[in-house]
Structure formats: C-alpha cells, structure tokens
Amino acid sequence: MANTLFVGKVYQRFDELSSTNDYARELLAKSKPPEGTVIRAAIQSAGRGQYGSNWVSEPGKNLTLSVLFYPSWISAQAQFQLSIAIALAVRDTVSTALTTVGARSLVKIKWPNDIYLDTRKTAGILIQNTLQRNSLQASVVGIGLNVNQTHFPETAPNATSLALAAGRQYPLDELADSLFECLEHRYLQLKGGHLQTLREEYHRNLLGRGEMRTFIRTGNGPFSGIIQGVRDDGCLVIKNGSHEEIFDVKEVRMT
C-alpha cells in the first residue's frame, strides 16, 4: 500500500481496457471521482501516447495507468506547470528504482515530458485536461512505464525498460506504490506554490539542454541548435546560430 494521502486510495484495476485515459474520462463525464483515483490495466488494447501515437506495451510486463487530479488553481495558459510536476514525479520513480545500479544520473526528461534512460525512452506521459472558464477543471494523467519488458517491436526502436537497465525484474505493485508517492509529492509541491523549484529541477534534468543537437522542423529538413530551455507555456527555446527560435510541441522534434 502506497504511503499517500490520496493518490491510489481509490484504485481500480482491470485485466484489460482499451485505454485507461478513456476509461477515466468516461468516469469524469458521469461523476466526480475522488482526487487521486487510479485506473490501471494489465493490457491496453488501444493505448495512446502523445499526439496520436500508439503506446505499445507487452501485457502484464509494464505499468499502464491513469490518475485523476483536480488542479483548479492552474490557469489554462499555465497548464504546462502540471506537465512539469508529473514528468519530475515519473523521473523520480525511475531514478529511485535504478539507484542500486548507478544509473540515476542517466534519467532525463525529453521535452515535453517523455522519460529517457540515456538515449532510450522508458516512460511516456499523456495529460488530458478539461477546462472550465479559464482554469483547469480536471486532469487525466496517463502514464506508461516500461518495467519488465525486454523485447520491443521495430515500431519502438528506441525503447528501453527498467529491467534492461538493471538486469533484473521489478515487482509491479511495489513500483506502482512508489509512483503514487512520487506523484503526490510533486503535485502537492506544485499546489504549495513551489513552481520555481520545480522549473529549476525540470531544466536541470532536460535532455540535451546546453548541448548541440540535431532537430527536425515539421515539414522541413534538419538543423542544428542548442536547447536553451522551456517557456512557461511549454514551448521549446532553441538557439539556432545567432538567434533563438520558439517551437510548439508539434513543430519540432529532436533526433
């Protein structure tokens, strides 16, 4: 049992769902479940990643779940704040799990909120917000964390897992409890007004920050640049030659 105040206290587990995010959104449409409600499935037949991509997960090997939050104090313009907190929470979970193998320093956040272990992706996050007037009403936070899967399809060429990094298998329930604790800690940190601390940690752990990298501009060819940081609205700032360019999430990707 996770040592939390509210995350995971309502815990719905399923053998199979098409999508834990879709199920959570259906719950929200009918009622107002307690904050911190978790929907977890051993199999997601139609799991989704960011921007319409599919999340492929071997049944029973990984964590695929969604958590409900009500961050009503966050304005619509500042919703990336929640993404920062959640990304740090998932990174915390992965870092803690890999402490014994000395790989903590390799755990990075790839903008906007994928979790990478060195050059390979180990977790993805999909946050779907419901707005009311000019603030967030509810947020469904979907998390896919590769844990015990050791073989990945060709459609996921840069995927990795905790098991591949550590050379051992992990108890999924214990790891889920750790994730719930990390999520609650970062969420309450954000709610408590510690945004600057969160932003600094996010930038400190941002993959490629301050390094010359190759990027692909949507509808255009590659270019080289240096990530300067991420703005409050979630846009990426890249120094390209002598000037800075601002990119939304669908406008550029790092190779």
Protein backbone atom coordinates (compact mmCIF):
# COMPACT_ATOMS: atom_id res chain seq x y z
CA MET A 1 0.00 0.00 0.00
CA ALA A 2 1.39 3.37 -1.01
CA ASN A 3 2.19 5.83 1.77
CA THR A 4 -0.01 8.59 0.35
CA LEU A 5 -2.80 10.88 1.45
CA PHE A 6 -4.98 10.49 -1.64
CA VAL A 7 -3.21 9.15 -4.72
CA GLY A 8 -4.14 5.50 -5.15
CA LYS A 9 -6.60 5.40 -2.27
CA VAL A 10 -9.27 4.68 -4.87
CA TYR A 11 -7.63 2.09 -7.07
CA GLN A 12 -9.47 0.41 -9.93
CA ARG A 13 -7.56 -2.42 -11.60
CA PHE A 14 -8.52 -4.23 -14.78
CA ASP A 15 -7.15 -7.14 -16.77
CA GLU A 16 -7.79 -5.22 -19.96
CA LEU A 17 -9.03 -1.82 -21.11
CA SER A 18 -8.86 -0.15 -24.48
CA SER A 19 -7.33 2.90 -22.77
CA THR A 20 -7.03 3.85 -19.11
CA ASN A 21 -7.28 7.53 -20.06
CA ASP A 22 -10.50 6.93 -21.99
CA TYR A 23 -11.97 5.00 -19.07
CA ALA A 24 -11.01 7.78 -16.64
CA ARG A 25 -12.56 10.41 -18.90
CA GLU A 26 -15.78 8.37 -19.05
CA LEU A 27 -15.84 8.30 -15.24
CA LEU A 28 -15.45 12.07 -15.18
CA ALA A 29 -18.31 12.51 -17.61
CA LYS A 30 -20.64 10.66 -15.25
CA SER A 31 -19.46 11.75 -11.80
CA LYS A 32 -16.61 13.32 -9.85
CA PRO A 33 -14.39 10.53 -8.55
CA PRO A 34 -12.11 11.39 -5.62
CA GLU A 35 -8.88 13.16 -6.50
CA GLY A 36 -6.06 10.68 -6.86
CA THR A 37 -8.25 7.91 -8.27
CA VAL A 38 -6.10 5.43 -10.21
CA ILE A 39 -7.22 3.37 -13.19
CA ARG A 40 -4.73 0.61 -14.02
CA ALA A 41 -4.87 -2.08 -16.70
CA ALA A 42 -2.59 -5.05 -17.30
CA ILE A 43 -3.40 -4.77 -21.01
CA GLN A 44 -4.31 -1.67 -23.03
CA SER A 45 -5.65 -2.68 -26.41
CA ALA A 46 -5.61 0.88 -27.70
CA GLY A 47 -3.10 2.70 -25.53
CA ARG A 48 -2.14 6.15 -26.76
CA GLY A 49 0.91 8.33 -26.48
CA GLN A 50 1.41 11.98 -27.23
CA TYR A 51 -0.12 13.49 -30.36
CA GLY A 52 -1.96 10.45 -31.66
CA SER A 53 0.89 7.94 -31.39
CA ASN A 54 0.28 4.43 -30.06
CA TRP A 55 1.75 3.17 -26.79
CA VAL A 56 2.78 -0.46 -27.29
CA SER A 57 3.16 -2.50 -24.11
CA GLU A 58 3.62 -6.24 -23.57
CA PRO A 59 0.71 -7.48 -21.41
CA GLY A 60 1.49 -7.77 -17.71
CA LYS A 61 5.06 -6.54 -18.02
CA ASN A 62 4.72 -2.80 -17.51
CA LEU A 63 2.73 -0.11 -15.72
CA THR A 64 -0.08 1.40 -17.76
CA LEU A 65 -2.36 3.58 -15.68
CA SER A 66 -4.15 6.91 -15.35
CA VAL A 67 -4.58 9.19 -12.34
CA LEU A 68 -7.27 11.84 -11.81
CA PHE A 69 -6.39 15.27 -10.47
CA TYR A 70 -8.36 18.49 -9.97
CA PRO A 71 -5.77 21.30 -10.29
CA SER A 72 -8.36 24.08 -10.40
CA TRP A 73 -5.83 26.69 -9.25
CA ILE A 74 -3.91 26.37 -12.55
CA SER A 75 -4.96 28.70 -15.36
CA ALA A 76 -5.44 27.41 -18.89
CA GLN A 77 -2.39 29.41 -20.03
CA ALA A 78 -0.23 27.81 -17.32
CA GLN A 79 -1.26 24.17 -17.76
CA PHE A 80 2.30 23.14 -18.63
CA GLN A 81 3.04 23.53 -14.91
CA LEU A 82 1.24 20.24 -14.30
CA SER A 83 3.28 18.57 -17.04
CA ILE A 84 6.48 19.67 -15.29
CA ALA A 85 5.37 18.22 -11.95
CA ILE A 86 4.23 14.92 -13.45
CA ALA A 87 7.39 14.50 -15.53
CA LEU A 88 9.52 15.03 -12.44
CA ALA A 89 7.43 12.53 -10.49
CA VAL A 90 7.90 9.81 -13.10
CA ARG A 91 11.58 10.65 -13.33
CA ASP A 92 11.80 10.36 -9.51
CA THR A 93 10.24 6.90 -9.71
CA VAL A 94 12.66 5.68 -12.38
CA SER A 95 15.68 7.21 -10.62
CA THR A 96 14.77 5.58 -7.31
CA ALA A 97 14.28 2.20 -8.98
CA LEU A 98 17.72 2.42 -10.60
CA THR A 99 19.65 3.68 -7.56
CA THR A 100 21.39 0.36 -6.95
CA VAL A 101 22.77 0.14 -10.49
CA GLY A 102 24.18 3.67 -10.51
CA ALA A 103 22.07 4.84 -13.46
CA ARG A 104 20.21 7.69 -11.75
CA SER A 105 22.20 10.41 -13.49
CA LEU A 106 21.21 8.99 -16.89
CA VAL A 107 17.48 9.51 -16.28
CA LYS A 108 16.39 12.58 -18.24
CA ILE A 109 13.21 14.34 -19.35
CA LYS A 110 12.89 14.67 -23.09
CA TRP A 111 10.74 17.68 -23.91
CA PRO A 112 7.93 17.92 -23.26
CA ASN A 113 7.57 15.00 -20.81
CA ASP A 114 8.99 11.69 -22.02
CA ILE A 115 11.37 9.96 -19.63
CA TYR A 116 14.61 8.74 -21.15
CA LEU A 117 17.34 6.50 -19.83
CA ASP A 118 20.44 7.71 -21.63
CA THR A 119 19.25 7.73 -25.28
CA ARG A 120 16.23 5.44 -24.94
CA LYS A 121 12.65 6.04 -23.86
CA THR A 122 11.42 4.27 -20.75
CA ALA A 123 8.21 6.18 -19.98
CA GLY A 124 5.61 8.31 -21.71
CA ILE A 125 3.01 10.68 -20.29
CA LEU A 126 -0.29 11.79 -21.79
CA ILE A 127 -2.15 14.53 -19.90
CA GLN A 128 -5.69 15.39 -20.98
CA ASN A 129 -7.13 18.48 -19.33
CA THR A 130 -10.72 19.62 -19.03
CA LEU A 131 -11.10 23.38 -18.86
CA GLN A 132 -13.76 25.45 -17.14
CA ARG A 133 -13.73 29.14 -17.95
CA ASN A 134 -10.02 29.99 -17.78
CA SER A 135 -8.70 27.29 -15.46
CA LEU A 136 -8.24 23.54 -15.29
CA GLN A 137 -11.25 21.68 -14.03
CA ALA A 138 -9.87 18.14 -14.17
CA SER A 139 -6.79 16.38 -15.48
CA VAL A 140 -6.41 12.77 -16.56
CA VAL A 141 -2.73 11.85 -16.28
CA GLY A 142 -1.89 8.76 -18.32
CA ILE A 143 1.47 7.09 -17.65
CA GLY A 144 3.11 4.22 -19.48
CA LEU A 145 6.28 2.97 -17.79
CA ASN A 146 8.34 0.17 -19.32
CA VAL A 147 9.32 -2.06 -16.42
CA ASN A 148 9.88 -5.76 -17.13
CA GLN A 149 9.61 -5.86 -20.92
CA THR A 150 12.92 -6.80 -22.55
CA HIS A 151 11.95 -7.08 -26.23
CA PHE A 152 10.34 -4.26 -28.17
CA PRO A 153 8.83 -4.16 -31.67
CA GLU A 154 10.55 -2.44 -34.58
CA THR A 155 7.93 0.32 -34.29
CA ALA A 156 9.60 1.30 -30.99
CA PRO A 157 13.28 1.26 -31.95
CA ASN A 158 14.49 3.49 -29.13
CA ALA A 159 12.53 1.92 -26.26
CA THR A 160 14.09 0.51 -23.12
CA SER A 161 12.92 -0.61 -19.67
CA LEU A 162 13.97 -0.75 -16.06
CA ALA A 163 14.68 -4.46 -16.41
CA LEU A 164 17.05 -3.88 -19.31
CA ALA A 165 18.85 -1.15 -17.38
CA ALA A 166 19.11 -3.02 -14.09
CA GLY A 167 19.37 -6.62 -15.29
CA ARG A 168 16.54 -7.76 -13.07
CA GLN A 169 12.76 -7.85 -12.85
CA TYR A 170 10.71 -5.49 -10.68
CA PRO A 171 7.55 -6.17 -8.63
CA LEU A 172 4.95 -4.08 -10.46
CA ASP A 173 2.76 -3.40 -7.44
CA GLU A 174 5.67 -2.07 -5.39
CA LEU A 175 6.77 0.14 -8.26
CA ALA A 176 3.21 1.43 -8.67
CA ASP A 177 3.16 2.39 -4.97
CA SER A 178 6.44 4.27 -5.43
CA LEU A 179 4.98 6.07 -8.44
CA PHE A 180 1.89 7.12 -6.47
CA GLU A 181 4.07 8.54 -3.70
CA CYS A 182 6.21 10.49 -6.16
CA LEU A 183 3.15 11.82 -7.99
CA GLU A 184 1.54 13.03 -4.79
CA HIS A 185 4.76 14.66 -3.58
CA ARG A 186 5.30 16.63 -6.80
CA TYR A 187 1.61 17.54 -7.15
CA LEU A 188 1.49 18.92 -3.60
CA GLN A 189 4.78 20.73 -4.23
CA LEU A 190 3.15 22.43 -7.21
CA LYS A 191 -0.04 23.16 -5.30
CA GLY A 192 2.04 24.64 -2.48
CA GLY A 193 3.45 27.28 -4.81
CA HIS A 194 6.95 25.85 -5.33
CA LEU A 195 6.87 26.34 -9.09
CA GLN A 196 10.33 27.88 -9.32
CA THR A 197 11.91 24.85 -7.62
CA LEU A 198 10.06 22.52 -9.98
CA ARG A 199 11.06 24.56 -13.03
CA GLU A 200 14.72 24.52 -11.99
CA GLU A 201 14.69 20.75 -11.48
CA TYR A 202 12.93 20.23 -14.79
CA HIS A 203 15.55 22.26 -16.65
CA ARG A 204 18.41 20.62 -14.78
CA ASN A 205 17.18 17.23 -15.98
CA LEU A 206 16.14 18.27 -19.50
CA LEU A 207 17.68 16.03 -22.14
CA GLY A 208 20.01 17.92 -24.47
CA ARG A 209 19.89 21.24 -22.65
CA GLY A 210 23.02 23.27 -23.38
CA GLU A 211 24.26 20.74 -25.95
CA MET A 212 24.48 20.98 -29.71
CA ARG A 213 21.77 18.69 -31.09
CA THR A 214 20.08 17.93 -34.39
CA PHE A 215 16.39 18.78 -34.74
CA ILE A 216 13.79 18.14 -37.41
CA ARG A 217 11.47 21.02 -38.15
CA THR A 218 7.96 19.86 -39.13
CA GLY A 219 7.66 19.97 -42.90
CA ASN A 220 11.29 20.89 -43.28
CA GLY A 221 14.78 19.45 -43.05
CA PRO A 222 17.15 19.03 -40.09
CA PHE A 223 19.02 21.82 -38.38
CA SER A 224 21.50 22.06 -35.51
CA GLY A 225 20.82 24.04 -32.37
CA ILE A 226 21.18 24.23 -28.62
CA ILE A 227 18.21 23.88 -26.25
CA GLN A 228 18.07 26.95 -24.03
CA GLY A 229 15.07 25.87 -22.02
CA VAL A 230 11.29 25.63 -21.96
CA ARG A 231 8.98 28.63 -21.57
CA ASP A 232 6.08 28.78 -19.12
CA ASP A 233 3.69 27.94 -21.94
CA GLY A 234 5.61 24.73 -22.72
CA CYS A 235 7.30 25.98 -25.88
CA LEU A 236 10.89 24.92 -26.50
CA VAL A 237 13.57 27.58 -26.94
CA ILE A 238 16.39 26.59 -29.31
CA LYS A 239 19.40 28.72 -30.14
CA ASN A 240 19.91 28.39 -33.88
CA GLY A 241 23.09 30.18 -34.89
CA SER A 242 22.94 33.71 -33.57
CA HIS A 243 19.21 33.79 -32.83
CA GLU A 244 16.65 31.94 -30.73
CA GLU A 245 13.61 30.17 -32.13
CA ILE A 246 10.44 29.19 -30.29
CA PHE A 247 8.70 25.90 -31.06
CA ASP A 248 5.40 24.41 -30.00
CA VAL A 249 5.30 20.68 -29.34
CA LYS A 250 4.12 19.73 -32.83
CA GLU A 251 6.59 21.94 -34.65
CA VAL A 252 9.93 20.28 -33.94
CA ARG A 253 11.49 17.09 -32.66
CA MET A 254 14.96 16.20 -31.51
CA THR A 255 16.69 13.32 -33.30
